[in-house]
Amino acid sequence: MPDDLQAFEDELTESAEQDVRDGFSSTLFFREVERFGGQQTLGAVFGACCHLILKGASGFGRLWEAGHPERTLEHVGHNNPQFHHLFAGADVLAKCQERLSDGPEVAS
């Protein structure tokens, strides 16, 4: 795995582990990242793997409402420029920005 992709997945894991320490269940998130990898999981929240869209949105909503949008998958992908090239050519980053700006009511 390339270093930047590993660093992205490490950031996602660190965020999810903090969620668990704060009482959120991140079982689905860990399973999806393990199964698909962090890059595909973020892309899938907004893209082709429709089975992830609602699940991603519900986790985002719970973290948003708890005042922790900085721990969302969207934040880790969007607010770390060193990871932007992992999503080049896709509108994933624009959709992350939209969701982070407007909250969980933004449709995927």
PDB file of N, CA and C in Angstrom:
ATOM      1  N   MET A   1       0.855  -1.180   0.000  1.00  0.00           N
ATOM      2  CA  MET A   1       0.000   0.000   0.000  1.00  0.00           C
ATOM      3  C   MET A   1       0.899   1.239   0.000  1.00  0.00           C
ATOM      4  N   PRO A   2       0.632   2.201  -0.878  1.00  0.00           N
ATOM      5  CA  PRO A   2       1.429   3.436  -0.892  1.00  0.00           C
ATOM      6  C   PRO A   2       1.347   4.171   0.451  1.00  0.00           C
ATOM      7  N   ASP A   3       2.413   4.891   0.780  1.00  0.00           N
ATOM      8  CA  ASP A   3       2.493   5.584   2.068  1.00  0.00           C
ATOM      9  C   ASP A   3       1.335   6.541   2.298  1.00  0.00           C
ATOM     10  N   ASP A   4       0.940   7.308   1.268  1.00  0.00           N
ATOM     11  CA  ASP A   4      -0.138   8.278   1.438  1.00  0.00           C
ATOM     12  C   ASP A   4      -1.474   7.593   1.686  1.00  0.00           C
ATOM     13  N   LEU A   5      -1.704   6.485   1.028  1.00  0.00           N
ATOM     14  CA  LEU A   5      -2.944   5.743   1.257  1.00  0.00           C
ATOM     15  C   LEU A   5      -2.943   5.142   2.661  1.00  0.00           C
ATOM     16  N   GLN A   6      -1.807   4.630   3.103  1.00  0.00           N
ATOM     17  CA  GLN A   6      -1.704   4.103   4.462  1.00  0.00           C
ATOM     18  C   GLN A   6      -1.929   5.220   5.479  1.00  0.00           C
ATOM     19  N   ALA A   7      -1.357   6.395   5.229  1.00  0.00           N
ATOM     20  CA  ALA A   7      -1.544   7.535   6.134  1.00  0.00           C
ATOM     21  C   ALA A   7      -3.013   7.936   6.206  1.00  0.00           C
ATOM     22  N   PHE A   8      -3.712   7.903   5.072  1.00  0.00           N
ATOM     23  CA  PHE A   8      -5.144   8.219   5.044  1.00  0.00           C
ATOM     24  C   PHE A   8      -5.913   7.216   5.896  1.00  0.00           C
ATOM     25  N   GLU A   9      -5.636   5.950   5.706  1.00  0.00           N
ATOM     26  CA  GLU A   9      -6.336   4.925   6.488  1.00  0.00           C
ATOM     27  C   GLU A   9      -5.987   5.022   7.965  1.00  0.00           C
ATOM     28  N   ASP A  10      -4.755   5.388   8.282  1.00  0.00           N
ATOM     29  CA  ASP A  10      -4.365   5.584   9.684  1.00  0.00           C
ATOM     30  C   ASP A  10      -5.160   6.725  10.303  1.00  0.00           C
ATOM     31  N   GLU A  11      -5.340   7.825   9.560  1.00  0.00           N
ATOM     32  CA  GLU A  11      -6.137   8.965  10.050  1.00  0.00           C
ATOM     33  C   GLU A  11      -7.583   8.533  10.289  1.00  0.00           C
ATOM     34  N   LEU A  12      -8.142   7.769   9.365  1.00  0.00           N
ATOM     35  CA  LEU A  12      -9.519   7.295   9.517  1.00  0.00           C
ATOM     36  C   LEU A  12      -9.648   6.404  10.753  1.00  0.00           C
ATOM     37  N   THR A  13      -8.688   5.516  10.922  1.00  0.00           N
ATOM     38  CA  THR A  13      -8.718   4.603  12.064  1.00  0.00           C
ATOM     39  C   THR A  13      -8.589   5.360  13.377  1.00  0.00           C
ATOM     40  N   GLU A  14      -7.693   6.334  13.427  1.00  0.00           N
ATOM     41  CA  GLU A  14      -7.522   7.125  14.642  1.00  0.00           C
ATOM     42  C   GLU A  14      -8.818   7.857  15.003  1.00  0.00           C
ATOM     43  N   SER A  15      -9.458   8.421  13.999  1.00  0.00           N
ATOM     44  CA  SER A  15     -10.724   9.120  14.230  1.00  0.00           C
ATOM     45  C   SER A  15     -11.797   8.159  14.742  1.00  0.00           C
ATOM     46  N   ALA A  16     -11.900   6.993  14.119  1.00  0.00           N
ATOM     47  CA  ALA A  16     -12.906   6.010  14.530  1.00  0.00           C
ATOM     48  C   ALA A  16     -12.619   5.465  15.928  1.00  0.00           C
ATOM     49  N   GLU A  17     -11.356   5.291  16.262  1.00  0.00           N
ATOM     50  CA  GLU A  17     -11.016   4.822  17.609  1.00  0.00           C
ATOM     51  C   GLU A  17     -11.419   5.855  18.660  1.00  0.00           C
ATOM     52  N   GLN A  18     -11.281   7.134  18.345  1.00  0.00           N
ATOM     53  CA  GLN A  18     -11.741   8.180  19.264  1.00  0.00           C
ATOM     54  C   GLN A  18     -13.259   8.121  19.401  1.00  0.00           C
ATOM     55  N   ASP A  19     -13.945   7.858  18.310  1.00  0.00           N
ATOM     56  CA  ASP A  19     -15.403   7.718  18.359  1.00  0.00           C
ATOM     57  C   ASP A  19     -15.799   6.605  19.322  1.00  0.00           C
ATOM     58  N   VAL A  20     -15.115   5.487  19.240  1.00  0.00           N
ATOM     59  CA  VAL A  20     -15.408   4.351  20.121  1.00  0.00           C
ATOM     60  C   VAL A  20     -15.169   4.746  21.574  1.00  0.00           C
ATOM     61  N   ARG A  21     -14.057   5.441  21.841  1.00  0.00           N
ATOM     62  CA  ARG A  21     -13.775   5.881  23.212  1.00  0.00           C
ATOM     63  C   ARG A  21     -14.868   6.817  23.723  1.00  0.00           C
ATOM     64  N   ASP A  22     -15.512   7.556  22.815  1.00  0.00           N
ATOM     65  CA  ASP A  22     -16.578   8.478  23.201  1.00  0.00           C
ATOM     66  C   ASP A  22     -17.961   7.835  23.180  1.00  0.00           C
ATOM     67  N   GLY A  23     -18.021   6.523  22.970  1.00  0.00           N
ATOM     68  CA  GLY A  23     -19.282   5.812  23.056  1.00  0.00           C
ATOM     69  C   GLY A  23     -20.022   5.610  21.750  1.00  0.00           C
ATOM     70  N   PHE A  24     -19.423   5.974  20.619  1.00  0.00           N
ATOM     71  CA  PHE A  24     -20.054   5.732  19.325  1.00  0.00           C
ATOM     72  C   PHE A  24     -19.652   4.349  18.835  1.00  0.00           C
ATOM     73  N   SER A  25     -20.549   3.697  18.146  1.00  0.00           N
ATOM     74  CA  SER A  25     -20.223   2.407  17.551  1.00  0.00           C
ATOM     75  C   SER A  25     -19.634   2.645  16.167  1.00  0.00           C
ATOM     76  N   SER A  26     -18.432   2.166  15.962  1.00  0.00           N
ATOM     77  CA  SER A  26     -17.777   2.310  14.658  1.00  0.00           C
ATOM     78  C   SER A  26     -17.550   0.955  13.997  1.00  0.00           C
ATOM     79  N   THR A  27     -18.302  -0.044  14.418  1.00  0.00           N
ATOM     80  CA  THR A  27     -18.125  -1.395  13.889  1.00  0.00           C
ATOM     81  C   THR A  27     -18.308  -1.427  12.388  1.00  0.00           C
ATOM     82  N   LEU A  28     -19.373  -0.818  11.890  1.00  0.00           N
ATOM     83  CA  LEU A  28     -19.630  -0.810  10.452  1.00  0.00           C
ATOM     84  C   LEU A  28     -18.497  -0.103   9.720  1.00  0.00           C
ATOM     85  N   PHE A  29     -18.069   1.036  10.243  1.00  0.00           N
ATOM     86  CA  PHE A  29     -17.003   1.791   9.610  1.00  0.00           C
ATOM     87  C   PHE A  29     -15.735   0.946   9.509  1.00  0.00           C
ATOM     88  N   PHE A  30     -15.321   0.323  10.622  1.00  0.00           N
ATOM     89  CA  PHE A  30     -14.120  -0.513  10.607  1.00  0.00           C
ATOM     90  C   PHE A  30     -14.259  -1.653   9.595  1.00  0.00           C
ATOM     91  N   ARG A  31     -15.440  -2.246   9.539  1.00  0.00           N
ATOM     92  CA  ARG A  31     -15.667  -3.352   8.605  1.00  0.00           C
ATOM     93  C   ARG A  31     -15.558  -2.877   7.156  1.00  0.00           C
ATOM     94  N   GLU A  32     -16.139  -1.715   6.861  1.00  0.00           N
ATOM     95  CA  GLU A  32     -16.092  -1.196   5.492  1.00  0.00           C
ATOM     96  C   GLU A  32     -14.673  -0.827   5.081  1.00  0.00           C
ATOM     97  N   VAL A  33     -13.913  -0.194   5.964  1.00  0.00           N
ATOM     98  CA  VAL A  33     -12.534   0.165   5.637  1.00  0.00           C
ATOM     99  C   VAL A  33     -11.686  -1.093   5.468  1.00  0.00           C
ATOM    100  N   GLU A  34     -11.901  -2.076   6.316  1.00  0.00           N
ATOM    101  CA  GLU A  34     -11.158  -3.326   6.188  1.00  0.00           C
ATOM    102  C   GLU A  34     -11.501  -4.027   4.874  1.00  0.00           C
ATOM    103  N   ARG A  35     -12.758  -4.003   4.517  1.00  0.00           N
ATOM    104  CA  ARG A  35     -13.213  -4.697   3.314  1.00  0.00           C
ATOM    105  C   ARG A  35     -12.817  -3.964   2.036  1.00  0.00           C
ATOM    106  N   PHE A  36     -13.013  -2.633   2.003  1.00  0.00           N
ATOM    107  CA  PHE A  36     -12.825  -1.868   0.773  1.00  0.00           C
ATOM    108  C   PHE A  36     -11.598  -0.966   0.776  1.00  0.00           C
ATOM    109  N   GLY A  37     -11.054  -0.649   1.960  1.00  0.00           N
ATOM    110  CA  GLY A  37      -9.989   0.335   2.058  1.00  0.00           C
ATOM    111  C   GLY A  37     -10.582   1.722   2.236  1.00  0.00           C
ATOM    112  N   GLY A  38      -9.797   2.631   2.796  1.00  0.00           N
ATOM    113  CA  GLY A  38     -10.289   3.971   3.088  1.00  0.00           C
ATOM    114  C   GLY A  38     -10.650   4.773   1.860  1.00  0.00           C
ATOM    115  N   GLN A  39      -9.839   4.665   0.808  1.00  0.00           N
ATOM    116  CA  GLN A  39     -10.081   5.425  -0.410  1.00  0.00           C
ATOM    117  C   GLN A  39     -11.408   5.030  -1.041  1.00  0.00           C
ATOM    118  N   GLN A  40     -11.658   3.754  -1.181  1.00  0.00           N
ATOM    119  CA  GLN A  40     -12.912   3.295  -1.769  1.00  0.00           C
ATOM    120  C   GLN A  40     -14.096   3.566  -0.851  1.00  0.00           C
ATOM    121  N   THR A  41     -13.897   3.497   0.440  1.00  0.00           N
ATOM    122  CA  THR A  41     -14.993   3.742   1.371  1.00  0.00           C
ATOM    123  C   THR A  41     -15.474   5.179   1.256  1.00  0.00           C
ATOM    124  N   LEU A  42     -14.546   6.141   1.233  1.00  0.00           N
ATOM    125  CA  LEU A  42     -14.957   7.543   1.082  1.00  0.00           C
ATOM    126  C   LEU A  42     -15.620   7.762  -0.265  1.00  0.00           C
ATOM    127  N   GLY A  43     -15.047   7.229  -1.320  1.00  0.00           N
ATOM    128  CA  GLY A  43     -15.657   7.360  -2.642  1.00  0.00           C
ATOM    129  C   GLY A  43     -17.033   6.729  -2.693  1.00  0.00           C
ATOM    130  N   ALA A  44     -17.195   5.611  -2.004  1.00  0.00           N
ATOM    131  CA  ALA A  44     -18.466   4.893  -2.020  1.00  0.00           C
ATOM    132  C   ALA A  44     -19.566   5.642  -1.283  1.00  0.00           C
ATOM    133  N   VAL A  45     -19.208   6.447  -0.299  1.00  0.00           N
ATOM    134  CA  VAL A  45     -20.231   7.212   0.424  1.00  0.00           C
ATOM    135  C   VAL A  45     -21.015   8.072  -0.561  1.00  0.00           C
ATOM    136  N   PHE A  46     -20.335   8.547  -1.599  1.00  0.00           N
ATOM    137  CA  PHE A  46     -20.977   9.422  -2.581  1.00  0.00           C
ATOM    138  C   PHE A  46     -21.126   8.793  -3.946  1.00  0.00           C
ATOM    139  N   GLY A  47     -20.674   7.555  -4.120  1.00  0.00           N
ATOM    140  CA  GLY A  47     -20.581   7.035  -5.470  1.00  0.00           C
ATOM    141  C   GLY A  47     -21.298   5.741  -5.741  1.00  0.00           C
ATOM    142  N   ALA A  48     -20.597   4.883  -6.431  1.00  0.00           N
ATOM    143  CA  ALA A  48     -21.178   3.699  -7.044  1.00  0.00           C
ATOM    144  C   ALA A  48     -21.656   2.636  -6.066  1.00  0.00           C
ATOM    145  N   CYS A  49     -21.030   2.499  -4.930  1.00  0.00           N
ATOM    146  CA  CYS A  49     -21.416   1.430  -3.993  1.00  0.00           C
ATOM    147  C   CYS A  49     -22.579   1.916  -3.139  1.00  0.00           C
ATOM    148  N   CYS A  50     -23.753   1.875  -3.693  1.00  0.00           N
ATOM    149  CA  CYS A  50     -24.924   2.481  -3.053  1.00  0.00           C
ATOM    150  C   CYS A  50     -25.218   1.920  -1.669  1.00  0.00           C
ATOM    151  N   HIS A  51     -24.793   0.701  -1.378  1.00  0.00           N
ATOM    152  CA  HIS A  51     -25.081   0.137  -0.058  1.00  0.00           C
ATOM    153  C   HIS A  51     -24.388   0.907   1.050  1.00  0.00           C
ATOM    154  N   LEU A  52     -23.392   1.722   0.728  1.00  0.00           N
ATOM    155  CA  LEU A  52     -22.701   2.488   1.755  1.00  0.00           C
ATOM    156  C   LEU A  52     -23.295   3.877   1.972  1.00  0.00           C
ATOM    157  N   ILE A  53     -24.061   4.380   1.017  1.00  0.00           N
ATOM    158  CA  ILE A  53     -24.481   5.779   1.083  1.00  0.00           C
ATOM    159  C   ILE A  53     -25.244   6.093   2.369  1.00  0.00           C
ATOM    160  N   LEU A  54     -26.283   5.382   2.654  1.00  0.00           N
ATOM    161  CA  LEU A  54     -27.074   5.689   3.843  1.00  0.00           C
ATOM    162  C   LEU A  54     -26.309   5.382   5.119  1.00  0.00           C
ATOM    163  N   LYS A  55     -25.506   4.333   5.111  1.00  0.00           N
ATOM    164  CA  LYS A  55     -24.734   3.983   6.298  1.00  0.00           C
ATOM    165  C   LYS A  55     -23.711   5.073   6.596  1.00  0.00           C
ATOM    166  N   GLY A  56     -23.050   5.585   5.569  1.00  0.00           N
ATOM    167  CA  GLY A  56     -22.096   6.671   5.758  1.00  0.00           C
ATOM    168  C   GLY A  56     -22.783   7.919   6.264  1.00  0.00           C
ATOM    169  N   ALA A  57     -23.947   8.204   5.696  1.00  0.00           N
ATOM    170  CA  ALA A  57     -24.683   9.405   6.086  1.00  0.00           C
ATOM    171  C   ALA A  57     -25.135   9.328   7.536  1.00  0.00           C
ATOM    172  N   SER A  58     -25.535   8.146   8.004  1.00  0.00           N
ATOM    173  CA  SER A  58     -26.002   8.049   9.386  1.00  0.00           C
ATOM    174  C   SER A  58     -24.856   8.259  10.369  1.00  0.00           C
ATOM    175  N   GLY A  59     -23.671   7.732  10.066  1.00  0.00           N
ATOM    176  CA  GLY A  59     -22.510   7.969  10.921  1.00  0.00           C
ATOM    177  C   GLY A  59     -22.133   9.435  10.920  1.00  0.00           C
ATOM    178  N   PHE A  60     -22.186  10.054   9.758  1.00  0.00           N
ATOM    179  CA  PHE A  60     -21.895  11.477   9.646  1.00  0.00           C
ATOM    180  C   PHE A  60     -22.883  12.269  10.508  1.00  0.00           C
ATOM    181  N   GLY A  61     -24.154  11.947  10.401  1.00  0.00           N
ATOM    182  CA  GLY A  61     -25.176  12.665  11.160  1.00  0.00           C
ATOM    183  C   GLY A  61     -24.987  12.550  12.662  1.00  0.00           C
ATOM    184  N   ARG A  62     -24.665  11.364  13.127  1.00  0.00           N
ATOM    185  CA  ARG A  62     -24.443  11.177  14.571  1.00  0.00           C
ATOM    186  C   ARG A  62     -23.254  11.998  15.061  1.00  0.00           C
ATOM    187  N   LEU A  63     -22.165  11.985  14.309  1.00  0.00           N
ATOM    188  CA  LEU A  63     -20.992  12.763  14.713  1.00  0.00           C
ATOM    189  C   LEU A  63     -21.260  14.258  14.604  1.00  0.00           C
ATOM    190  N   TRP A  64     -21.960  14.673  13.566  1.00  0.00           N
ATOM    191  CA  TRP A  64     -22.309  16.092  13.386  1.00  0.00           C
ATOM    192  C   TRP A  64     -23.135  16.581  14.574  1.00  0.00           C
ATOM    193  N   GLU A  65     -24.175  15.834  14.914  1.00  0.00           N
ATOM    194  CA  GLU A  65     -25.071  16.227  16.000  1.00  0.00           C
ATOM    195  C   GLU A  65     -24.355  16.220  17.355  1.00  0.00           C
ATOM    196  N   ALA A  66     -23.326  15.392  17.494  1.00  0.00           N
ATOM    197  CA  ALA A  66     -22.556  15.351  18.741  1.00  0.00           C
ATOM    198  C   ALA A  66     -21.484  16.441  18.771  1.00  0.00           C
ATOM    199  N   GLY A  67     -21.402  17.244  17.711  1.00  0.00           N
ATOM    200  CA  GLY A  67     -20.426  18.330  17.665  1.00  0.00           C
ATOM    201  C   GLY A  67     -19.029  17.913  17.246  1.00  0.00           C
ATOM    202  N   HIS A  68     -18.926  16.809  16.504  1.00  0.00           N
ATOM    203  CA  HIS A  68     -17.615  16.310  16.079  1.00  0.00           C
ATOM    204  C   HIS A  68     -17.521  16.083  14.567  1.00  0.00           C
ATOM    205  N   PRO A  69     -17.835  17.091  13.766  1.00  0.00           N
ATOM    206  CA  PRO A  69     -17.702  16.894  12.319  1.00  0.00           C
ATOM    207  C   PRO A  69     -16.251  16.657  11.904  1.00  0.00           C
ATOM    208  N   GLU A  70     -15.303  17.069  12.746  1.00  0.00           N
ATOM    209  CA  GLU A  70     -13.887  16.875  12.426  1.00  0.00           C
ATOM    210  C   GLU A  70     -13.476  15.408  12.456  1.00  0.00           C
ATOM    211  N   ARG A  71     -14.333  14.543  12.986  1.00  0.00           N
ATOM    212  CA  ARG A  71     -14.007  13.123  13.051  1.00  0.00           C
ATOM    213  C   ARG A  71     -14.738  12.310  11.992  1.00  0.00           C
ATOM    214  N   THR A  72     -15.374  12.991  11.059  1.00  0.00           N
ATOM    215  CA  THR A  72     -16.085  12.273   9.998  1.00  0.00           C
ATOM    216  C   THR A  72     -15.133  11.862   8.888  1.00  0.00           C
ATOM    217  N   LEU A  73     -15.529  10.843   8.174  1.00  0.00           N
ATOM    218  CA  LEU A  73     -14.812  10.384   6.995  1.00  0.00           C
ATOM    219  C   LEU A  73     -14.644  11.536   6.005  1.00  0.00           C
ATOM    220  N   GLU A  74     -15.692  12.337   5.861  1.00  0.00           N
ATOM    221  CA  GLU A  74     -15.660  13.461   4.929  1.00  0.00           C
ATOM    222  C   GLU A  74     -14.591  14.478   5.322  1.00  0.00           C
ATOM    223  N   HIS A  75     -14.490  14.766   6.601  1.00  0.00           N
ATOM    224  CA  HIS A  75     -13.505  15.742   7.075  1.00  0.00           C
ATOM    225  C   HIS A  75     -12.081  15.245   6.846  1.00  0.00           C
ATOM    226  N   VAL A  76     -11.821  14.002   7.185  1.00  0.00           N
ATOM    227  CA  VAL A  76     -10.480  13.458   7.018  1.00  0.00           C
ATOM    228  C   VAL A  76     -10.067  13.510   5.551  1.00  0.00           C
ATOM    229  N   GLY A  77     -10.970  13.190   4.643  1.00  0.00           N
ATOM    230  CA  GLY A  77     -10.646  13.232   3.219  1.00  0.00           C
ATOM    231  C   GLY A  77     -10.499  14.636   2.682  1.00  0.00           C
ATOM    232  N   HIS A  78     -11.384  15.532   3.091  1.00  0.00           N
ATOM    233  CA  HIS A  78     -11.407  16.880   2.537  1.00  0.00           C
ATOM    234  C   HIS A  78     -10.392  17.823   3.168  1.00  0.00           C
ATOM    235  N   ASN A  79     -10.233  17.772   4.452  1.00  0.00           N
ATOM    236  CA  ASN A  79      -9.437  18.776   5.156  1.00  0.00           C
ATOM    237  C   ASN A  79      -7.970  18.401   5.327  1.00  0.00           C
ATOM    238  N   ASN A  80      -7.520  17.418   4.630  1.00  0.00           N
ATOM    239  CA  ASN A  80      -6.114  17.024   4.639  1.00  0.00           C
ATOM    240  C   ASN A  80      -5.620  17.025   3.191  1.00  0.00           C
ATOM    241  N   PRO A  81      -5.072  18.157   2.734  1.00  0.00           N
ATOM    242  CA  PRO A  81      -4.662  18.281   1.328  1.00  0.00           C
ATOM    243  C   PRO A  81      -3.720  17.179   0.846  1.00  0.00           C
ATOM    244  N   GLN A  82      -2.955  16.588   1.741  1.00  0.00           N
ATOM    245  CA  GLN A  82      -2.044  15.533   1.318  1.00  0.00           C
ATOM    246  C   GLN A  82      -2.779  14.303   0.798  1.00  0.00           C
ATOM    247  N   PHE A  83      -4.095  14.228   1.050  1.00  0.00           N
ATOM    248  CA  PHE A  83      -4.878  13.088   0.573  1.00  0.00           C
ATOM    249  C   PHE A  83      -5.722  13.419  -0.656  1.00  0.00           C
ATOM    250  N   HIS A  84      -5.780  14.659  -1.075  1.00  0.00           N
ATOM    251  CA  HIS A  84      -6.663  15.054  -2.169  1.00  0.00           C
ATOM    252  C   HIS A  84      -6.391  14.286  -3.458  1.00  0.00           C
ATOM    253  N   HIS A  85      -5.142  14.000  -3.756  1.00  0.00           N
ATOM    254  CA  HIS A  85      -4.835  13.295  -5.004  1.00  0.00           C
ATOM    255  C   HIS A  85      -5.428  11.883  -5.034  1.00  0.00           C
ATOM    256  N   LEU A  86      -5.768  11.339  -3.875  1.00  0.00           N
ATOM    257  CA  LEU A  86      -6.395  10.017  -3.837  1.00  0.00           C
ATOM    258  C   LEU A  86      -7.788  10.041  -4.467  1.00  0.00           C
ATOM    259  N   PHE A  87      -8.357  11.233  -4.604  1.00  0.00           N
ATOM    260  CA  PHE A  87      -9.705  11.372  -5.136  1.00  0.00           C
ATOM    261  C   PHE A  87      -9.725  12.234  -6.391  1.00  0.00           C
ATOM    262  N   ALA A  88      -8.588  12.353  -7.067  1.00  0.00           N
ATOM    263  CA  ALA A  88      -8.474  13.170  -8.269  1.00  0.00           C
ATOM    264  C   ALA A  88      -9.446  12.675  -9.340  1.00  0.00           C
ATOM    265  N   GLY A  89     -10.041  13.629 -10.036  1.00  0.00           N
ATOM    266  CA  GLY A  89     -10.945  13.287 -11.124  1.00  0.00           C
ATOM    267  C   GLY A  89     -12.352  12.932 -10.671  1.00  0.00           C
ATOM    268  N   ALA A  90     -12.578  12.916  -9.387  1.00  0.00           N
ATOM    269  CA  ALA A  90     -13.909  12.585  -8.868  1.00  0.00           C
ATOM    270  C   ALA A  90     -14.480  13.819  -8.185  1.00  0.00           C
ATOM    271  N   ASP A  91     -15.780  13.843  -8.050  1.00  0.00           N
ATOM    272  CA  ASP A  91     -16.397  14.977  -7.350  1.00  0.00           C
ATOM    273  C   ASP A  91     -16.544  14.691  -5.859  1.00  0.00           C
ATOM    274  N   VAL A  92     -15.804  13.713  -5.365  1.00  0.00           N
ATOM    275  CA  VAL A  92     -15.875  13.320  -3.960  1.00  0.00           C
ATOM    276  C   VAL A  92     -15.541  14.495  -3.046  1.00  0.00           C
ATOM    277  N   LEU A  93     -14.465  15.225  -3.337  1.00  0.00           N
ATOM    278  CA  LEU A  93     -14.063  16.324  -2.456  1.00  0.00           C
ATOM    279  C   LEU A  93     -15.101  17.443  -2.440  1.00  0.00           C
ATOM    280  N   ALA A  94     -15.703  17.725  -3.582  1.00  0.00           N
ATOM    281  CA  ALA A  94     -16.753  18.746  -3.637  1.00  0.00           C
ATOM    282  C   ALA A  94     -17.959  18.313  -2.804  1.00  0.00           C
ATOM    283  N   LYS A  95     -18.298  17.051  -2.876  1.00  0.00           N
ATOM    284  CA  LYS A  95     -19.425  16.545  -2.092  1.00  0.00           C
ATOM    285  C   LYS A  95     -19.100  16.527  -0.602  1.00  0.00           C
ATOM    286  N   CYS A  96     -17.840  16.233  -0.272  1.00  0.00           N
ATOM    287  CA  CYS A  96     -17.427  16.309   1.136  1.00  0.00           C
ATOM    288  C   CYS A  96     -17.582  17.735   1.639  1.00  0.00           C
ATOM    289  N   GLN A  97     -17.116  18.704   0.857  1.00  0.00           N
ATOM    290  CA  GLN A  97     -17.222  20.115   1.241  1.00  0.00           C
ATOM    291  C   GLN A  97     -18.671  20.517   1.427  1.00  0.00           C
ATOM    292  N   GLU A  98     -19.523  20.084   0.518  1.00  0.00           N
ATOM    293  CA  GLU A  98     -20.950  20.409   0.621  1.00  0.00           C
ATOM    294  C   GLU A  98     -21.541  19.850   1.911  1.00  0.00           C
ATOM    295  N   ARG A  99     -21.243  18.608   2.195  1.00  0.00           N
ATOM    296  CA  ARG A  99     -21.792  17.988   3.404  1.00  0.00           C
ATOM    297  C   ARG A  99     -21.234  18.648   4.658  1.00  0.00           C
ATOM    298  N   LEU A 100     -19.941  18.948   4.668  1.00  0.00           N
ATOM    299  CA  LEU A 100     -19.332  19.593   5.833  1.00  0.00           C
ATOM    300  C   LEU A 100     -19.859  20.999   6.038  1.00  0.00           C
ATOM    301  N   SER A 101     -20.212  21.685   4.964  1.00  0.00           N
ATOM    302  CA  SER A 101     -20.751  23.038   5.054  1.00  0.00           C
ATOM    303  C   SER A 101     -22.210  23.057   5.523  1.00  0.00           C
ATOM    304  N   ASP A 102     -22.977  22.072   5.003  1.00  0.00           N
ATOM    305  CA  ASP A 102     -24.420  22.105   5.212  1.00  0.00           C
ATOM    306  C   ASP A 102     -24.953  21.117   6.234  1.00  0.00           C
ATOM    307  N   GLY A 103     -24.158  20.171   6.635  1.00  0.00           N
ATOM    308  CA  GLY A 103     -24.605  19.215   7.635  1.00  0.00           C
ATOM    309  C   GLY A 103     -25.255  17.988   7.034  1.00  0.00           C
ATOM    310  N   PRO A 104     -25.805  17.139   7.880  1.00  0.00           N
ATOM    311  CA  PRO A 104     -26.297  15.831   7.447  1.00  0.00           C
ATOM    312  C   PRO A 104     -27.530  15.876   6.567  1.00  0.00           C
ATOM    313  N   GLU A 105     -28.193  17.006   6.460  1.00  0.00           N
ATOM    314  CA  GLU A 105     -29.380  17.049   5.606  1.00  0.00           C
ATOM    315  C   GLU A 105     -29.041  17.080   4.136  1.00  0.00           C
ATOM    316  N   VAL A 106     -27.758  17.268   3.769  1.00  0.00           N
ATOM    317  CA  VAL A 106     -27.348  17.294   2.366  1.00  0.00           C
ATOM    318  C   VAL A 106     -27.457  15.887   1.804  1.00  0.00           C
ATOM    319  N   ALA A 107     -28.189  15.764   0.727  1.00  0.00           N
ATOM    320  CA  ALA A 107     -28.364  14.453   0.090  1.00  0.00           C
ATOM    321  C   ALA A 107     -27.084  14.016  -0.588  1.00  0.00           C
ATOM    322  N   SER A 108     -26.827  12.719  -0.558  1.00  0.00           N
ATOM    323  CA  SER A 108     -25.628  12.167  -1.218  1.00  0.00           C
ATOM    324  C   SER A 108     -25.853  12.059  -2.694  1.00  0.00           C
TER     325      SER A 108
END
